[in-house]
Amino acid sequence: MLLININMIKKNKIKIFLISLIVVIIFFALYLLIGNREINGNKLTYDELEVQAEEAKTADDLARLLNENGFKYVKKEGSDAINSDALLKEKRGGKQDFAKFVASELMKKGFISFVFVYEYEKDEGTGTEYLVSFRDLDLPKYIYFNNSGTNIDNYGWSFEDICLKEEERLKVKIIKYGTVSPLENNLIPKEWINYKEDE
């Protein structure tokens, strides 16, 4: 009888071990399928990003999409922007690419938006910045891009107000500015406006 009890205990231990092993395997599989996505900051696939971009209703939604899914800002020369599909696939681009993407997505959603381009002088030379200017429900706002991500700010009621905010933010002197339609890939304004002639 004692021998039968020992055999039953061994069988029960084996059953418990096998059940525990199966539970561990299931949790490990779930971790690989779901948990890994959370560790990577909820980074979405291209198809998921495309759906999220279409479902975004506001500029804040688009900024969150770019900021929370591993998009990287890289310095890029020239004024040509890649198309939205390429940006979503590569998850990296210059300010030109992000500006075109956000401005065109906002336009699709019924916002008045365009790429705001300006040239500036700074101690180390000259440069060009690409922003998005748009009319939100309450105030005119603009979006700028840097290593910290996609940022939204109010700017007042004129392009000069954007220039003032940007001069303060980047500690630069703006020379000229212009706007470009979100439909354009080459982000050179057709007309430049000189800003603050030398005093």
C-alpha atoms as a PDB file:
ATOM      1  CA  MET A   1       0.000   0.000   0.000  1.00  0.00           C
ATOM      2  CA  LEU A   2       2.832   2.349   0.866  1.00  0.00           C
ATOM      3  CA  LEU A   3       4.447   1.495  -2.462  1.00  0.00           C
ATOM      4  CA  ILE A   4       1.227   2.351  -4.314  1.00  0.00           C
ATOM      5  CA  ASN A   5       1.013   5.700  -2.489  1.00  0.00           C
ATOM      6  CA  ILE A   6       4.616   6.524  -3.422  1.00  0.00           C
ATOM      7  CA  ASN A   7       3.910   5.714  -7.097  1.00  0.00           C
ATOM      8  CA  MET A   8       0.777   7.899  -7.000  1.00  0.00           C
ATOM      9  CA  ILE A   9       2.721  10.743  -5.412  1.00  0.00           C
ATOM     10  CA  LYS A  10       5.373  10.445  -8.140  1.00  0.00           C
ATOM     11  CA  LYS A  11       2.671  10.445 -10.835  1.00  0.00           C
ATOM     12  CA  ASN A  12       1.023  13.508  -9.252  1.00  0.00           C
ATOM     13  CA  LYS A  13       4.366  15.302  -9.076  1.00  0.00           C
ATOM     14  CA  ILE A  14       4.981  14.526 -12.741  1.00  0.00           C
ATOM     15  CA  LYS A  15       1.485  15.816 -13.631  1.00  0.00           C
ATOM     16  CA  ILE A  16       2.057  18.995 -11.618  1.00  0.00           C
ATOM     17  CA  PHE A  17       5.459  19.443 -13.262  1.00  0.00           C
ATOM     18  CA  LEU A  18       3.991  18.969 -16.761  1.00  0.00           C
ATOM     19  CA  ILE A  19       1.114  21.368 -16.062  1.00  0.00           C
ATOM     20  CA  SER A  20       3.571  23.940 -14.669  1.00  0.00           C
ATOM     21  CA  LEU A  21       5.794  23.495 -17.721  1.00  0.00           C
ATOM     22  CA  ILE A  22       2.835  24.033 -20.067  1.00  0.00           C
ATOM     23  CA  VAL A  23       1.800  27.177 -18.164  1.00  0.00           C
ATOM     24  CA  VAL A  24       5.357  28.526 -18.358  1.00  0.00           C
ATOM     25  CA  ILE A  25       5.490  27.818 -22.109  1.00  0.00           C
ATOM     26  CA  ILE A  26       2.151  29.582 -22.639  1.00  0.00           C
ATOM     27  CA  PHE A  27       3.295  32.655 -20.677  1.00  0.00           C
ATOM     28  CA  PHE A  28       6.575  32.702 -22.583  1.00  0.00           C
ATOM     29  CA  ALA A  29       4.712  32.545 -25.912  1.00  0.00           C
ATOM     30  CA  LEU A  30       2.414  35.376 -24.817  1.00  0.00           C
ATOM     31  CA  TYR A  31       5.427  37.417 -23.773  1.00  0.00           C
ATOM     32  CA  LEU A  32       6.990  36.953 -27.207  1.00  0.00           C
ATOM     33  CA  LEU A  33       3.776  37.876 -28.972  1.00  0.00           C
ATOM     34  CA  ILE A  34       2.489  40.706 -26.778  1.00  0.00           C
ATOM     35  CA  GLY A  35       5.013  41.612 -24.112  1.00  0.00           C
ATOM     36  CA  ASN A  36       7.791  42.352 -26.574  1.00  0.00           C
ATOM     37  CA  ARG A  37       5.611  45.005 -28.223  1.00  0.00           C
ATOM     38  CA  GLU A  38       5.206  46.796 -24.888  1.00  0.00           C
ATOM     39  CA  ILE A  39       8.942  46.658 -24.163  1.00  0.00           C
ATOM     40  CA  ASN A  40       9.569  48.295 -27.538  1.00  0.00           C
ATOM     41  CA  GLY A  41       7.317  51.210 -26.631  1.00  0.00           C
ATOM     42  CA  ASN A  42       4.236  49.987 -28.490  1.00  0.00           C
ATOM     43  CA  LYS A  43       6.028  50.290 -31.832  1.00  0.00           C
ATOM     44  CA  LEU A  44       3.622  49.438 -34.589  1.00  0.00           C
ATOM     45  CA  THR A  45       4.151  47.749 -37.931  1.00  0.00           C
ATOM     46  CA  TYR A  46       3.838  49.717 -41.177  1.00  0.00           C
ATOM     47  CA  ASP A  47       0.249  48.530 -41.716  1.00  0.00           C
ATOM     48  CA  GLU A  48      -0.704  49.444 -38.149  1.00  0.00           C
ATOM     49  CA  LEU A  49       0.978  52.863 -38.495  1.00  0.00           C
ATOM     50  CA  GLU A  50      -0.936  53.500 -41.703  1.00  0.00           C
ATOM     51  CA  VAL A  51      -4.235  52.707 -39.968  1.00  0.00           C
ATOM     52  CA  GLN A  52      -3.301  54.877 -36.957  1.00  0.00           C
ATOM     53  CA  ALA A  53      -2.396  57.798 -39.250  1.00  0.00           C
ATOM     54  CA  GLU A  54      -5.754  57.486 -41.011  1.00  0.00           C
ATOM     55  CA  GLU A  55      -7.624  57.263 -37.694  1.00  0.00           C
ATOM     56  CA  ALA A  56      -5.800  60.223 -36.118  1.00  0.00           C
ATOM     57  CA  LYS A  57      -8.226  63.102 -35.696  1.00  0.00           C
ATOM     58  CA  THR A  58      -5.962  65.870 -34.364  1.00  0.00           C
ATOM     59  CA  ALA A  59      -2.421  67.185 -34.527  1.00  0.00           C
ATOM     60  CA  ASP A  60      -1.912  65.805 -31.016  1.00  0.00           C
ATOM     61  CA  ASP A  61      -2.841  62.328 -32.288  1.00  0.00           C
ATOM     62  CA  LEU A  62      -0.278  62.617 -35.101  1.00  0.00           C
ATOM     63  CA  ALA A  63       2.416  63.893 -32.736  1.00  0.00           C
ATOM     64  CA  ARG A  64       1.709  61.000 -30.371  1.00  0.00           C
ATOM     65  CA  LEU A  65       1.898  58.549 -33.288  1.00  0.00           C
ATOM     66  CA  LEU A  66       5.366  59.826 -34.245  1.00  0.00           C
ATOM     67  CA  ASN A  67       6.654  60.217 -30.691  1.00  0.00           C
ATOM     68  CA  GLU A  68       5.562  56.831 -29.361  1.00  0.00           C
ATOM     69  CA  ASN A  69       6.562  54.542 -32.216  1.00  0.00           C
ATOM     70  CA  GLY A  70      10.301  54.871 -32.609  1.00  0.00           C
ATOM     71  CA  PHE A  71      10.465  57.495 -35.346  1.00  0.00           C
ATOM     72  CA  LYS A  72      13.919  59.044 -35.594  1.00  0.00           C
ATOM     73  CA  TYR A  73      14.890  62.511 -36.738  1.00  0.00           C
ATOM     74  CA  VAL A  74      18.023  62.593 -38.895  1.00  0.00           C
ATOM     75  CA  LYS A  75      19.765  65.593 -40.392  1.00  0.00           C
ATOM     76  CA  LYS A  76      19.024  65.793 -44.082  1.00  0.00           C
ATOM     77  CA  GLU A  77      20.223  68.230 -46.715  1.00  0.00           C
ATOM     78  CA  GLY A  78      18.052  69.623 -49.476  1.00  0.00           C
ATOM     79  CA  SER A  79      14.423  70.582 -49.716  1.00  0.00           C
ATOM     80  CA  ASP A  80      12.938  67.367 -51.118  1.00  0.00           C
ATOM     81  CA  ALA A  81      10.628  65.401 -48.811  1.00  0.00           C
ATOM     82  CA  ILE A  82       9.928  61.693 -49.037  1.00  0.00           C
ATOM     83  CA  ASN A  83       6.317  60.606 -49.333  1.00  0.00           C
ATOM     84  CA  SER A  84       4.229  59.542 -46.343  1.00  0.00           C
ATOM     85  CA  ASP A  85       4.469  55.818 -47.128  1.00  0.00           C
ATOM     86  CA  ALA A  86       8.266  55.937 -47.131  1.00  0.00           C
ATOM     87  CA  LEU A  87       8.335  57.780 -43.801  1.00  0.00           C
ATOM     88  CA  LEU A  88       5.983  55.246 -42.200  1.00  0.00           C
ATOM     89  CA  LYS A  89       8.062  52.323 -43.537  1.00  0.00           C
ATOM     90  CA  GLU A  90      11.489  53.716 -42.674  1.00  0.00           C
ATOM     91  CA  LYS A  91      10.467  55.422 -39.397  1.00  0.00           C
ATOM     92  CA  ARG A  92      13.188  57.994 -39.971  1.00  0.00           C
ATOM     93  CA  GLY A  93      13.519  61.208 -41.873  1.00  0.00           C
ATOM     94  CA  GLY A  94      14.544  64.824 -41.887  1.00  0.00           C
ATOM     95  CA  LYS A  95      12.469  67.776 -40.769  1.00  0.00           C
ATOM     96  CA  GLN A  96      11.355  68.098 -44.397  1.00  0.00           C
ATOM     97  CA  ASP A  97       9.867  64.597 -44.341  1.00  0.00           C
ATOM     98  CA  PHE A  98       8.099  64.995 -41.000  1.00  0.00           C
ATOM     99  CA  ALA A  99       6.732  68.428 -41.972  1.00  0.00           C
ATOM    100  CA  LYS A 100       5.307  67.149 -45.257  1.00  0.00           C
ATOM    101  CA  PHE A 101       3.811  64.076 -43.581  1.00  0.00           C
ATOM    102  CA  VAL A 102       2.101  65.983 -40.754  1.00  0.00           C
ATOM    103  CA  ALA A 103       0.896  68.855 -42.982  1.00  0.00           C
ATOM    104  CA  SER A 104      -0.585  66.470 -45.555  1.00  0.00           C
ATOM    105  CA  GLU A 105      -2.246  64.295 -42.887  1.00  0.00           C
ATOM    106  CA  LEU A 106      -3.772  67.377 -41.258  1.00  0.00           C
ATOM    107  CA  MET A 107      -5.004  68.584 -44.644  1.00  0.00           C
ATOM    108  CA  LYS A 108      -6.670  65.193 -45.263  1.00  0.00           C
ATOM    109  CA  LYS A 109      -8.516  65.642 -41.967  1.00  0.00           C
ATOM    110  CA  GLY A 110      -9.880  69.050 -42.963  1.00  0.00           C
ATOM    111  CA  PHE A 111      -7.385  71.321 -41.193  1.00  0.00           C
ATOM    112  CA  ILE A 112      -5.925  74.339 -42.955  1.00  0.00           C
ATOM    113  CA  SER A 113      -2.255  73.411 -42.890  1.00  0.00           C
ATOM    114  CA  PHE A 114       0.938  74.021 -44.799  1.00  0.00           C
ATOM    115  CA  VAL A 115       4.684  73.653 -44.464  1.00  0.00           C
ATOM    116  CA  PHE A 116       6.301  76.800 -43.080  1.00  0.00           C
ATOM    117  CA  VAL A 117       9.920  77.164 -44.221  1.00  0.00           C
ATOM    118  CA  TYR A 118      12.448  79.709 -43.046  1.00  0.00           C
ATOM    119  CA  GLU A 119      16.114  80.413 -43.558  1.00  0.00           C
ATOM    120  CA  TYR A 120      18.187  81.697 -40.675  1.00  0.00           C
ATOM    121  CA  GLU A 121      21.641  82.846 -39.636  1.00  0.00           C
ATOM    122  CA  LYS A 122      23.465  81.601 -36.579  1.00  0.00           C
ATOM    123  CA  ASP A 123      27.034  81.894 -35.349  1.00  0.00           C
ATOM    124  CA  GLU A 124      28.120  78.814 -37.293  1.00  0.00           C
ATOM    125  CA  GLY A 125      26.444  79.819 -40.569  1.00  0.00           C
ATOM    126  CA  THR A 126      23.038  79.571 -42.191  1.00  0.00           C
ATOM    127  CA  GLY A 127      20.339  76.929 -42.201  1.00  0.00           C
ATOM    128  CA  THR A 128      16.772  76.079 -43.117  1.00  0.00           C
ATOM    129  CA  GLU A 129      13.948  74.934 -40.851  1.00  0.00           C
ATOM    130  CA  TYR A 130      10.743  73.120 -41.819  1.00  0.00           C
ATOM    131  CA  LEU A 131       7.658  73.469 -39.610  1.00  0.00           C
ATOM    132  CA  VAL A 132       3.931  72.882 -39.959  1.00  0.00           C
ATOM    133  CA  SER A 133       1.544  75.782 -39.452  1.00  0.00           C
ATOM    134  CA  PHE A 134      -2.116  74.933 -38.991  1.00  0.00           C
ATOM    135  CA  ARG A 135      -5.334  76.291 -37.642  1.00  0.00           C
ATOM    136  CA  ASP A 136      -6.513  74.190 -34.708  1.00  0.00           C
ATOM    137  CA  LEU A 137     -10.020  74.386 -33.292  1.00  0.00           C
ATOM    138  CA  ASP A 138      -9.085  77.175 -30.942  1.00  0.00           C
ATOM    139  CA  LEU A 139      -5.838  78.876 -32.033  1.00  0.00           C
ATOM    140  CA  PRO A 140      -3.231  78.926 -34.764  1.00  0.00           C
ATOM    141  CA  LYS A 141      -0.514  76.450 -33.838  1.00  0.00           C
ATOM    142  CA  TYR A 142       2.692  75.189 -35.283  1.00  0.00           C
ATOM    143  CA  ILE A 143       4.644  71.962 -35.103  1.00  0.00           C
ATOM    144  CA  TYR A 144       8.416  71.694 -35.006  1.00  0.00           C
ATOM    145  CA  PHE A 145      10.650  68.655 -35.083  1.00  0.00           C
ATOM    146  CA  ASN A 146      13.875  67.937 -33.237  1.00  0.00           C
ATOM    147  CA  ASN A 147      15.728  65.133 -31.472  1.00  0.00           C
ATOM    148  CA  SER A 148      13.165  65.164 -28.662  1.00  0.00           C
ATOM    149  CA  GLY A 149      10.361  64.453 -31.128  1.00  0.00           C
ATOM    150  CA  THR A 150       7.350  66.179 -32.624  1.00  0.00           C
ATOM    151  CA  ASN A 151       6.354  69.291 -30.673  1.00  0.00           C
ATOM    152  CA  ILE A 152       3.241  71.501 -30.862  1.00  0.00           C
ATOM    153  CA  ASP A 153       3.080  75.136 -29.769  1.00  0.00           C
ATOM    154  CA  ASN A 154       0.775  78.164 -30.119  1.00  0.00           C
ATOM    155  CA  TYR A 155       2.185  81.047 -32.108  1.00  0.00           C
ATOM    156  CA  GLY A 156      -0.214  83.976 -32.202  1.00  0.00           C
ATOM    157  CA  TRP A 157      -1.922  85.315 -35.290  1.00  0.00           C
ATOM    158  CA  SER A 158       0.805  86.049 -37.852  1.00  0.00           C
ATOM    159  CA  PHE A 159       3.825  84.469 -39.501  1.00  0.00           C
ATOM    160  CA  GLU A 160       5.945  87.068 -37.762  1.00  0.00           C
ATOM    161  CA  ASP A 161       4.766  85.536 -34.475  1.00  0.00           C
ATOM    162  CA  ILE A 162       6.096  82.142 -35.581  1.00  0.00           C
ATOM    163  CA  CYS A 163       9.390  83.795 -36.485  1.00  0.00           C
ATOM    164  CA  LEU A 164       9.631  85.488 -33.082  1.00  0.00           C
ATOM    165  CA  LYS A 165       8.990  82.184 -31.279  1.00  0.00           C
ATOM    166  CA  GLU A 166      11.512  80.354 -33.443  1.00  0.00           C
ATOM    167  CA  GLU A 167      14.197  83.009 -32.995  1.00  0.00           C
ATOM    168  CA  GLU A 168      13.736  82.667 -29.256  1.00  0.00           C
ATOM    169  CA  ARG A 169      13.619  78.846 -29.296  1.00  0.00           C
ATOM    170  CA  LEU A 170      16.709  78.327 -31.475  1.00  0.00           C
ATOM    171  CA  LYS A 171      18.589  81.561 -30.749  1.00  0.00           C
ATOM    172  CA  VAL A 172      18.851  82.378 -34.466  1.00  0.00           C
ATOM    173  CA  LYS A 173      18.181  85.358 -36.719  1.00  0.00           C
ATOM    174  CA  ILE A 174      15.561  84.584 -39.363  1.00  0.00           C
ATOM    175  CA  ILE A 175      16.342  86.015 -42.793  1.00  0.00           C
ATOM    176  CA  LYS A 176      13.262  85.025 -44.810  1.00  0.00           C
ATOM    177  CA  TYR A 177      10.280  82.688 -44.716  1.00  0.00           C
ATOM    178  CA  GLY A 178       7.599  81.235 -46.948  1.00  0.00           C
ATOM    179  CA  THR A 179       4.918  78.564 -47.146  1.00  0.00           C
ATOM    180  CA  VAL A 180       4.538  75.421 -49.232  1.00  0.00           C
ATOM    181  CA  SER A 181       1.470  73.318 -49.951  1.00  0.00           C
ATOM    182  CA  PRO A 182       1.384  69.893 -48.256  1.00  0.00           C
ATOM    183  CA  LEU A 183       0.873  68.441 -51.732  1.00  0.00           C
ATOM    184  CA  GLU A 184       4.384  69.450 -52.833  1.00  0.00           C
ATOM    185  CA  ASN A 185       7.436  67.209 -52.439  1.00  0.00           C
ATOM    186  CA  ASN A 186       9.947  69.988 -53.023  1.00  0.00           C
ATOM    187  CA  LEU A 187       9.607  72.297 -50.060  1.00  0.00           C
ATOM    188  CA  ILE A 188      11.021  75.492 -51.543  1.00  0.00           C
ATOM    189  CA  PRO A 189       8.492  78.334 -51.212  1.00  0.00           C
ATOM    190  CA  LYS A 190       7.452  79.905 -54.510  1.00  0.00           C
ATOM    191  CA  GLU A 191       7.636  83.294 -52.779  1.00  0.00           C
ATOM    192  CA  TRP A 192       9.991  84.244 -49.966  1.00  0.00           C
ATOM    193  CA  ILE A 193       9.165  87.078 -47.579  1.00  0.00           C
ATOM    194  CA  ASN A 194      12.094  88.962 -46.106  1.00  0.00           C
ATOM    195  CA  TYR A 195      11.893  89.100 -42.353  1.00  0.00           C
ATOM    196  CA  LYS A 196      13.111  92.117 -40.382  1.00  0.00           C
ATOM    197  CA  GLU A 197      15.292  94.054 -42.744  1.00  0.00           C
ATOM    198  CA  ASP A 198      18.551  95.089 -41.065  1.00  0.00           C
ATOM    199  CA  GLU A 199      17.765  97.855 -38.630  1.00  0.00           C
END
